[in-house]
Amino acid sequence: MPKIKTCRGAAKRFKTTGSGRIKRAKAYRRHILSHKGRKRKRQLRSDGLVAMVDHENIKKLIPYL
């Protein structure tokens, strides 16, 4: 059986936590930041967690992570 290739785009976007959950960056913080509030931008800096229903699909993209 050949090795499975890792989807490099997904490997750059997701990391796993110690407990096995998958971390991701939050959206809406790339541009047009002038009308967004200070609190909102600060909260977007923190990492989010991927929903459990999406774990299986992401694990297929990054099998060795």
PDB file of N, CA and C in Angstrom:
ATOM      1  N   MET A   1       0.845  -1.189   0.000  1.00  0.00           N
ATOM      2  CA  MET A   1       0.000   0.000   0.000  1.00  0.00           C
ATOM      3  C   MET A   1       0.888   1.250   0.000  1.00  0.00           C
ATOM      4  N   PRO A   2       0.685   2.177  -0.937  1.00  0.00           N
ATOM      5  CA  PRO A   2       1.522   3.377  -0.970  1.00  0.00           C
ATOM      6  C   PRO A   2       1.174   4.350   0.158  1.00  0.00           C
ATOM      7  N   LYS A   3       2.099   5.256   0.411  1.00  0.00           N
ATOM      8  CA  LYS A   3       1.845   6.280   1.415  1.00  0.00           C
ATOM      9  C   LYS A   3       0.770   7.233   0.907  1.00  0.00           C
ATOM     10  N   ILE A   4       0.075   7.858   1.839  1.00  0.00           N
ATOM     11  CA  ILE A   4      -0.951   8.842   1.485  1.00  0.00           C
ATOM     12  C   ILE A   4      -0.289  10.211   1.450  1.00  0.00           C
ATOM     13  N   LYS A   5      -0.565  10.980   0.407  1.00  0.00           N
ATOM     14  CA  LYS A   5      -0.005  12.319   0.330  1.00  0.00           C
ATOM     15  C   LYS A   5      -0.808  13.272   1.210  1.00  0.00           C
ATOM     16  N   THR A   6      -0.100  14.144   1.896  1.00  0.00           N
ATOM     17  CA  THR A   6      -0.725  15.177   2.706  1.00  0.00           C
ATOM     18  C   THR A   6      -1.129  16.331   1.807  1.00  0.00           C
ATOM     19  N   CYS A   7      -2.323  16.866   2.008  1.00  0.00           N
ATOM     20  CA  CYS A   7      -2.763  18.074   1.305  1.00  0.00           C
ATOM     21  C   CYS A   7      -2.026  19.251   1.935  1.00  0.00           C
ATOM     22  N   ARG A   8      -1.078  19.825   1.200  1.00  0.00           N
ATOM     23  CA  ARG A   8      -0.208  20.846   1.778  1.00  0.00           C
ATOM     24  C   ARG A   8      -0.969  22.106   2.186  1.00  0.00           C
ATOM     25  N   GLY A   9      -2.021  22.439   1.458  1.00  0.00           N
ATOM     26  CA  GLY A   9      -2.817  23.606   1.825  1.00  0.00           C
ATOM     27  C   GLY A   9      -3.481  23.419   3.171  1.00  0.00           C
ATOM     28  N   ALA A  10      -3.988  22.203   3.428  1.00  0.00           N
ATOM     29  CA  ALA A  10      -4.633  21.917   4.705  1.00  0.00           C
ATOM     30  C   ALA A  10      -3.609  21.846   5.828  1.00  0.00           C
ATOM     31  N   ALA A  11      -2.403  21.331   5.533  1.00  0.00           N
ATOM     32  CA  ALA A  11      -1.370  21.222   6.554  1.00  0.00           C
ATOM     33  C   ALA A  11      -0.940  22.602   7.057  1.00  0.00           C
ATOM     34  N   LYS A  12      -1.014  23.613   6.192  1.00  0.00           N
ATOM     35  CA  LYS A  12      -0.652  24.967   6.588  1.00  0.00           C
ATOM     36  C   LYS A  12      -1.769  25.647   7.380  1.00  0.00           C
ATOM     37  N   ARG A  13      -2.986  25.178   7.221  1.00  0.00           N
ATOM     38  CA  ARG A  13      -4.132  25.825   7.854  1.00  0.00           C
ATOM     39  C   ARG A  13      -4.534  25.222   9.189  1.00  0.00           C
ATOM     40  N   PHE A  14      -4.213  23.952   9.419  1.00  0.00           N
ATOM     41  CA  PHE A  14      -4.690  23.259  10.612  1.00  0.00           C
ATOM     42  C   PHE A  14      -3.536  22.695  11.419  1.00  0.00           C
ATOM     43  N   LYS A  15      -3.696  22.695  12.748  1.00  0.00           N
ATOM     44  CA  LYS A  15      -2.754  22.056  13.674  1.00  0.00           C
ATOM     45  C   LYS A  15      -3.590  21.239  14.658  1.00  0.00           C
ATOM     46  N   THR A  16      -2.982  20.198  15.225  1.00  0.00           N
ATOM     47  CA  THR A  16      -3.704  19.409  16.214  1.00  0.00           C
ATOM     48  C   THR A  16      -3.283  19.823  17.618  1.00  0.00           C
ATOM     49  N   THR A  17      -4.226  19.741  18.548  1.00  0.00           N
ATOM     50  CA  THR A  17      -3.940  20.034  19.942  1.00  0.00           C
ATOM     51  C   THR A  17      -3.470  18.759  20.626  1.00  0.00           C
ATOM     52  N   GLY A  18      -3.080  18.862  21.859  1.00  0.00           N
ATOM     53  CA  GLY A  18      -2.625  17.698  22.596  1.00  0.00           C
ATOM     54  C   GLY A  18      -3.715  16.670  22.808  1.00  0.00           C
ATOM     55  N   SER A  19      -4.960  17.136  22.894  1.00  0.00           N
ATOM     56  CA  SER A  19      -6.077  16.222  23.127  1.00  0.00           C
ATOM     57  C   SER A  19      -6.642  15.645  21.831  1.00  0.00           C
ATOM     58  N   GLY A  20      -6.081  16.060  20.685  1.00  0.00           N
ATOM     59  CA  GLY A  20      -6.533  15.504  19.415  1.00  0.00           C
ATOM     60  C   GLY A  20      -7.524  16.357  18.652  1.00  0.00           C
ATOM     61  N   ARG A  21      -7.950  17.471  19.227  1.00  0.00           N
ATOM     62  CA  ARG A  21      -8.819  18.381  18.481  1.00  0.00           C
ATOM     63  C   ARG A  21      -7.989  19.091  17.418  1.00  0.00           C
ATOM     64  N   ILE A  22      -8.661  19.731  16.462  1.00  0.00           N
ATOM     65  CA  ILE A  22      -7.963  20.418  15.373  1.00  0.00           C
ATOM     66  C   ILE A  22      -8.195  21.918  15.511  1.00  0.00           C
ATOM     67  N   LYS A  23      -7.083  22.674  15.541  1.00  0.00           N
ATOM     68  CA  LYS A  23      -7.147  24.126  15.642  1.00  0.00           C
ATOM     69  C   LYS A  23      -7.205  24.742  14.254  1.00  0.00           C
ATOM     70  N   ARG A  24      -7.810  25.920  14.175  1.00  0.00           N
ATOM     71  CA  ARG A  24      -7.875  26.654  12.922  1.00  0.00           C
ATOM     72  C   ARG A  24      -7.850  28.140  13.237  1.00  0.00           C
ATOM     73  N   ALA A  25      -7.527  28.929  12.236  1.00  0.00           N
ATOM     74  CA  ALA A  25      -7.579  30.388  12.390  1.00  0.00           C
ATOM     75  C   ALA A  25      -8.996  30.858  12.096  1.00  0.00           C
ATOM     76  N   LYS A  26      -9.378  31.967  12.685  1.00  0.00           N
ATOM     77  CA  LYS A  26     -10.712  32.510  12.453  1.00  0.00           C
ATOM     78  C   LYS A  26     -10.720  33.380  11.192  1.00  0.00           C
ATOM     79  N   ALA A  27     -11.859  33.454  10.573  1.00  0.00           N
ATOM     80  CA  ALA A  27     -12.020  34.216   9.333  1.00  0.00           C
ATOM     81  C   ALA A  27     -12.323  35.687   9.649  1.00  0.00           C
ATOM     82  N   TYR A  28     -12.414  36.498   8.597  1.00  0.00           N
ATOM     83  CA  TYR A  28     -12.814  37.920   8.667  1.00  0.00           C
ATOM     84  C   TYR A  28     -11.757  38.821   9.286  1.00  0.00           C
ATOM     85  N   ARG A  29     -10.487  38.483   9.144  1.00  0.00           N
ATOM     86  CA  ARG A  29      -9.462  39.363   9.684  1.00  0.00           C
ATOM     87  C   ARG A  29      -8.376  39.666   8.665  1.00  0.00           C
ATOM     88  N   ARG A  30      -8.653  39.568   7.385  1.00  0.00           N
ATOM     89  CA  ARG A  30      -7.648  39.801   6.355  1.00  0.00           C
ATOM     90  C   ARG A  30      -7.632  41.249   5.870  1.00  0.00           C
ATOM     91  N   HIS A  31      -8.784  41.822   5.626  1.00  0.00           N
ATOM     92  CA  HIS A  31      -8.841  43.175   5.087  1.00  0.00           C
ATOM     93  C   HIS A  31     -10.155  43.809   5.491  1.00  0.00           C
ATOM     94  N   ILE A  32     -10.339  45.079   5.159  1.00  0.00           N
ATOM     95  CA  ILE A  32     -11.500  45.886   5.560  1.00  0.00           C
ATOM     96  C   ILE A  32     -11.665  45.819   7.078  1.00  0.00           C
ATOM     97  N   LEU A  33     -10.612  46.232   7.778  1.00  0.00           N
ATOM     98  CA  LEU A  33     -10.626  46.154   9.236  1.00  0.00           C
ATOM     99  C   LEU A  33     -11.037  47.470   9.892  1.00  0.00           C
ATOM    100  N   SER A  34     -11.157  48.534   9.098  1.00  0.00           N
ATOM    101  CA  SER A  34     -11.385  49.847   9.698  1.00  0.00           C
ATOM    102  C   SER A  34     -12.754  49.962  10.354  1.00  0.00           C
ATOM    103  N   HIS A  35     -13.772  49.281   9.816  1.00  0.00           N
ATOM    104  CA  HIS A  35     -15.106  49.408  10.417  1.00  0.00           C
ATOM    105  C   HIS A  35     -15.391  48.346  11.469  1.00  0.00           C
ATOM    106  N   LYS A  36     -14.452  47.435  11.689  1.00  0.00           N
ATOM    107  CA  LYS A  36     -14.635  46.409  12.713  1.00  0.00           C
ATOM    108  C   LYS A  36     -14.097  46.922  14.040  1.00  0.00           C
ATOM    109  N   GLY A  37     -14.770  46.589  15.092  1.00  0.00           N
ATOM    110  CA  GLY A  37     -14.407  47.111  16.404  1.00  0.00           C
ATOM    111  C   GLY A  37     -13.134  46.498  16.959  1.00  0.00           C
ATOM    112  N   ARG A  38     -12.564  47.175  17.941  1.00  0.00           N
ATOM    113  CA  ARG A  38     -11.322  46.717  18.566  1.00  0.00           C
ATOM    114  C   ARG A  38     -11.527  45.355  19.235  1.00  0.00           C
ATOM    115  N   LYS A  39     -12.638  45.207  19.926  1.00  0.00           N
ATOM    116  CA  LYS A  39     -12.923  43.947  20.620  1.00  0.00           C
ATOM    117  C   LYS A  39     -13.079  42.793  19.628  1.00  0.00           C
ATOM    118  N   ARG A  40     -13.771  43.048  18.544  1.00  0.00           N
ATOM    119  CA  ARG A  40     -13.998  42.012  17.537  1.00  0.00           C
ATOM    120  C   ARG A  40     -12.683  41.549  16.915  1.00  0.00           C
ATOM    121  N   LYS A  41     -11.811  42.503  16.578  1.00  0.00           N
ATOM    122  CA  LYS A  41     -10.526  42.154  15.970  1.00  0.00           C
ATOM    123  C   LYS A  41      -9.642  41.396  16.958  1.00  0.00           C
ATOM    124  N   ARG A  42      -9.699  41.776  18.215  1.00  0.00           N
ATOM    125  CA  ARG A  42      -8.917  41.093  19.245  1.00  0.00           C
ATOM    126  C   ARG A  42      -9.389  39.644  19.411  1.00  0.00           C
ATOM    127  N   GLN A  43     -10.697  39.432  19.390  1.00  0.00           N
ATOM    128  CA  GLN A  43     -11.233  38.078  19.534  1.00  0.00           C
ATOM    129  C   GLN A  43     -10.947  37.222  18.309  1.00  0.00           C
ATOM    130  N   LEU A  44     -10.806  37.827  17.142  1.00  0.00           N
ATOM    131  CA  LEU A  44     -10.483  37.079  15.927  1.00  0.00           C
ATOM    132  C   LEU A  44      -9.033  36.604  15.908  1.00  0.00           C
ATOM    133  N   ARG A  45      -8.179  37.197  16.751  1.00  0.00           N
ATOM    134  CA  ARG A  45      -6.783  36.756  16.819  1.00  0.00           C
ATOM    135  C   ARG A  45      -6.649  35.363  17.404  1.00  0.00           C
ATOM    136  N   SER A  46      -7.538  35.002  18.333  1.00  0.00           N
ATOM    137  CA  SER A  46      -7.418  33.704  19.002  1.00  0.00           C
ATOM    138  C   SER A  46      -7.820  32.581  18.056  1.00  0.00           C
ATOM    139  N   ASP A  47      -7.290  31.399  18.317  1.00  0.00           N
ATOM    140  CA  ASP A  47      -7.589  30.243  17.480  1.00  0.00           C
ATOM    141  C   ASP A  47      -8.980  29.699  17.780  1.00  0.00           C
ATOM    142  N   GLY A  48      -9.599  29.140  16.751  1.00  0.00           N
ATOM    143  CA  GLY A  48     -10.857  28.447  16.934  1.00  0.00           C
ATOM    144  C   GLY A  48     -10.625  26.954  16.812  1.00  0.00           C
ATOM    145  N   LEU A  49     -11.629  26.178  17.148  1.00  0.00           N
ATOM    146  CA  LEU A  49     -11.547  24.730  17.005  1.00  0.00           C
ATOM    147  C   LEU A  49     -12.481  24.286  15.892  1.00  0.00           C
ATOM    148  N   VAL A  50     -12.053  23.287  15.152  1.00  0.00           N
ATOM    149  CA  VAL A  50     -12.874  22.735  14.077  1.00  0.00           C
ATOM    150  C   VAL A  50     -14.010  21.929  14.710  1.00  0.00           C
ATOM    151  N   ALA A  51     -15.203  22.040  14.151  1.00  0.00           N
ATOM    152  CA  ALA A  51     -16.350  21.283  14.653  1.00  0.00           C
ATOM    153  C   ALA A  51     -16.103  19.787  14.495  1.00  0.00           C
ATOM    154  N   MET A  52     -16.642  19.012  15.406  1.00  0.00           N
ATOM    155  CA  MET A  52     -16.405  17.564  15.413  1.00  0.00           C
ATOM    156  C   MET A  52     -16.915  16.894  14.128  1.00  0.00           C
ATOM    157  N   VAL A  53     -17.961  17.427  13.512  1.00  0.00           N
ATOM    158  CA  VAL A  53     -18.493  16.816  12.295  1.00  0.00           C
ATOM    159  C   VAL A  53     -17.532  16.959  11.120  1.00  0.00           C
ATOM    160  N   ASP A  54     -16.601  17.920  11.197  1.00  0.00           N
ATOM    161  CA  ASP A  54     -15.641  18.127  10.116  1.00  0.00           C
ATOM    162  C   ASP A  54     -14.319  17.407  10.344  1.00  0.00           C
ATOM    163  N   HIS A  55     -14.123  16.825  11.524  1.00  0.00           N
ATOM    164  CA  HIS A  55     -12.855  16.181  11.852  1.00  0.00           C
ATOM    165  C   HIS A  55     -12.486  15.080  10.864  1.00  0.00           C
ATOM    166  N   GLU A  56     -13.426  14.255  10.503  1.00  0.00           N
ATOM    167  CA  GLU A  56     -13.128  13.105   9.640  1.00  0.00           C
ATOM    168  C   GLU A  56     -12.601  13.558   8.283  1.00  0.00           C
ATOM    169  N   ASN A  57     -13.210  14.588   7.712  1.00  0.00           N
ATOM    170  CA  ASN A  57     -12.768  15.080   6.411  1.00  0.00           C
ATOM    171  C   ASN A  57     -11.377  15.701   6.483  1.00  0.00           C
ATOM    172  N   ILE A  58     -11.089  16.421   7.547  1.00  0.00           N
ATOM    173  CA  ILE A  58      -9.779  17.059   7.667  1.00  0.00           C
ATOM    174  C   ILE A  58      -8.703  16.021   7.947  1.00  0.00           C
ATOM    175  N   LYS A  59      -9.021  14.989   8.703  1.00  0.00           N
ATOM    176  CA  LYS A  59      -8.059  13.923   8.979  1.00  0.00           C
ATOM    177  C   LYS A  59      -7.646  13.213   7.688  1.00  0.00           C
ATOM    178  N   LYS A  60      -8.546  13.145   6.704  1.00  0.00           N
ATOM    179  CA  LYS A  60      -8.200  12.549   5.412  1.00  0.00           C
ATOM    180  C   LYS A  60      -7.207  13.435   4.653  1.00  0.00           C
ATOM    181  N   LEU A  61      -7.322  14.751   4.830  1.00  0.00           N
ATOM    182  CA  LEU A  61      -6.420  15.664   4.141  1.00  0.00           C
ATOM    183  C   LEU A  61      -5.036  15.687   4.769  1.00  0.00           C
ATOM    184  N   ILE A  62      -4.980  15.527   6.100  1.00  0.00           N
ATOM    185  CA  ILE A  62      -3.696  15.555   6.815  1.00  0.00           C
ATOM    186  C   ILE A  62      -3.568  14.278   7.653  1.00  0.00           C
ATOM    187  N   PRO A  63      -3.300  13.142   7.024  1.00  0.00           N
ATOM    188  CA  PRO A  63      -3.324  11.872   7.750  1.00  0.00           C
ATOM    189  C   PRO A  63      -2.202  11.712   8.773  1.00  0.00           C
ATOM    190  N   TYR A  64      -1.079  12.396   8.611  1.00  0.00           N
ATOM    191  CA  TYR A  64       0.059  12.182   9.507  1.00  0.00           C
ATOM    192  C   TYR A  64       0.221  13.298  10.528  1.00  0.00           C
ATOM    193  N   LEU A  65      -0.756  14.182  10.628  1.00  0.00           N
ATOM    194  CA  LEU A  65      -0.658  15.300  11.550  1.00  0.00           C
ATOM    195  C   LEU A  65      -1.251  14.947  12.897  1.00  0.00           C
TER     196      LEU A  65
END
